[in-house]
């Protein structure tokens, strides 16, 4: 039997956003795409501010950011948020996770800003 199509691999996309994923999630509707991207930018800024001090609710905040990032195709952000979530759960030092998460969010937001200027 011939092999089926390859499974989607979010990490195969080297950019900060998987635009194909975003288009599928928004059904190709540009107004919806704009809305979810603007919401992600605002939410990610609030969450990063909240995560800066590693409050007791850090795992839940990181989990929220992970889900939001996956929904728009910001898979690097999702990976970094998950790494923070896991590190906190294991009682590890989270400084590097926080640095990587901030950088991933900054990259995603820059890509979003560029995209929004074209929409």
Protein backbone atom coordinates (compact mmCIF):
# COMPACT_ATOMS: atom_id res chain seq x y z
CA UNK A 1 0.00 0.00 0.00
CA UNK A 2 1.47 3.44 -0.90
CA UNK A 3 2.20 5.81 1.97
CA UNK A 4 -0.36 8.52 2.71
CA UNK A 5 0.37 12.22 2.68
CA UNK A 6 2.93 13.40 5.20
CA UNK A 7 1.56 14.57 8.53
CA UNK A 8 1.55 18.29 9.17
CA UNK A 9 4.67 19.30 11.03
CA UNK A 10 4.36 22.74 12.65
CA UNK A 11 8.10 22.91 13.30
CA UNK A 12 8.83 22.45 9.58
CA UNK A 13 7.89 26.11 9.06
CA UNK A 14 10.99 28.14 9.92
CA UNK A 15 9.12 31.48 10.15
CA UNK A 16 7.42 32.96 13.20
CA UNK A 17 3.95 32.28 11.71
CA UNK A 18 2.58 29.45 9.65
CA UNK A 19 0.48 31.48 7.20
CA UNK A 20 -1.14 28.39 5.68
CA UNK A 21 -2.31 27.28 9.11
CA UNK A 22 -3.61 30.77 9.86
CA UNK A 23 -5.54 30.86 6.61
CA UNK A 24 -7.10 27.45 7.33
CA UNK A 25 -8.07 28.48 10.85
CA UNK A 26 -9.71 31.70 9.63
CA UNK A 27 -11.32 30.01 6.61
CA UNK A 28 -9.54 32.47 4.33
CA UNK A 29 -11.56 35.39 5.72
CA UNK A 30 -9.20 38.37 5.93
CA UNK A 31 -11.38 40.29 8.42
CA UNK A 32 -11.34 37.31 10.78
CA UNK A 33 -7.60 36.89 10.23
CA UNK A 34 -7.04 40.52 11.19
CA UNK A 35 -9.24 40.17 14.27
CA UNK A 36 -7.53 37.06 15.66
CA UNK A 37 -4.06 38.46 14.98
CA UNK A 38 -4.87 41.73 16.74
CA UNK A 39 -6.29 39.78 19.67
CA UNK A 40 -3.14 37.64 19.84
CA UNK A 41 -0.86 40.69 19.90
CA UNK A 42 -2.82 42.27 22.75
CA UNK A 43 -3.20 39.01 24.70
CA UNK A 44 0.44 38.00 24.32
CA UNK A 45 1.59 41.39 25.64
CA UNK A 46 -0.67 41.05 28.69
CA UNK A 47 0.46 37.49 29.31
CA UNK A 48 4.16 38.31 28.99
CA UNK A 49 3.71 41.14 31.49
CA UNK A 50 1.97 38.77 33.89
CA UNK A 51 4.60 36.07 33.40
CA UNK A 52 7.50 38.43 34.10
CA UNK A 53 7.30 37.81 37.84
CA UNK A 54 6.47 34.10 37.59
CA UNK A 55 3.30 34.31 39.67
CA UNK A 56 1.69 31.15 41.09
CA UNK A 57 -0.62 31.01 38.04
CA UNK A 58 2.34 30.84 35.63
CA UNK A 59 1.48 27.34 34.35
CA UNK A 60 -2.06 28.43 33.48
CA UNK A 61 -0.87 31.66 31.85
CA UNK A 62 1.74 29.81 29.79
CA UNK A 63 -0.88 27.23 28.82
CA UNK A 64 -3.22 29.99 27.63
CA UNK A 65 -0.47 31.56 25.54
CA UNK A 66 0.43 28.15 24.11
CA UNK A 67 -3.13 27.57 22.93
CA UNK A 68 -3.52 31.03 21.46
CA UNK A 69 -0.23 30.73 19.62
CA UNK A 70 -1.12 27.34 18.16
CA UNK A 71 -4.45 28.69 16.98
CA UNK A 72 -2.80 31.32 14.77
CA UNK A 73 0.19 29.24 13.68
CA UNK A 74 2.79 30.85 15.96
CA UNK A 75 4.26 27.46 16.72
CA UNK A 76 7.61 28.72 18.08
CA UNK A 77 5.71 30.80 20.65
CA UNK A 78 3.67 27.71 21.54
CA UNK A 79 6.83 25.62 21.99
CA UNK A 80 8.42 28.24 24.23
CA UNK A 81 5.25 28.66 26.30
CA UNK A 82 5.06 24.90 26.73
CA UNK A 83 8.72 24.78 27.79
CA UNK A 84 7.97 27.40 30.46
CA UNK A 85 4.90 25.49 31.57
CA UNK A 86 6.93 22.28 31.93
CA UNK A 87 9.89 23.97 33.62
CA UNK A 88 7.66 25.55 36.24
CA UNK A 89 5.94 22.22 36.84
CA UNK A 90 9.31 20.56 37.41
CA UNK A 91 10.62 23.32 39.65
CA UNK A 92 13.39 24.30 37.23
CA UNK A 93 14.99 27.70 36.71
CA UNK A 94 12.82 29.47 34.14
CA UNK A 95 15.06 32.38 33.14
CA UNK A 96 16.05 30.93 29.77
CA UNK A 97 12.47 29.90 29.02
CA UNK A 98 11.30 33.43 29.70
CA UNK A 99 13.99 34.92 27.45
CA UNK A 100 13.16 32.54 24.61
CA UNK A 101 9.43 33.11 25.01
CA UNK A 102 9.83 36.89 24.88
CA UNK A 103 11.96 36.61 21.74
CA UNK A 104 9.49 34.25 20.06
CA UNK A 105 6.56 36.55 20.87
CA UNK A 106 8.50 39.55 19.55
CA UNK A 107 9.23 37.70 16.29
CA UNK A 108 5.60 36.62 15.94
CA UNK A 109 4.32 40.12 16.65
CA UNK A 110 6.71 41.61 14.09
CA UNK A 111 5.44 39.13 11.48
CA UNK A 112 1.86 39.94 12.47
CA UNK A 113 2.50 43.68 12.18
CA UNK A 114 3.95 43.21 8.69
CA UNK A 115 0.99 41.07 7.68
CA UNK A 116 -1.57 43.49 9.09
CA UNK A 117 -0.04 46.31 7.08
CA UNK A 118 -0.75 44.29 3.92
CA UNK A 119 -4.34 43.31 4.85
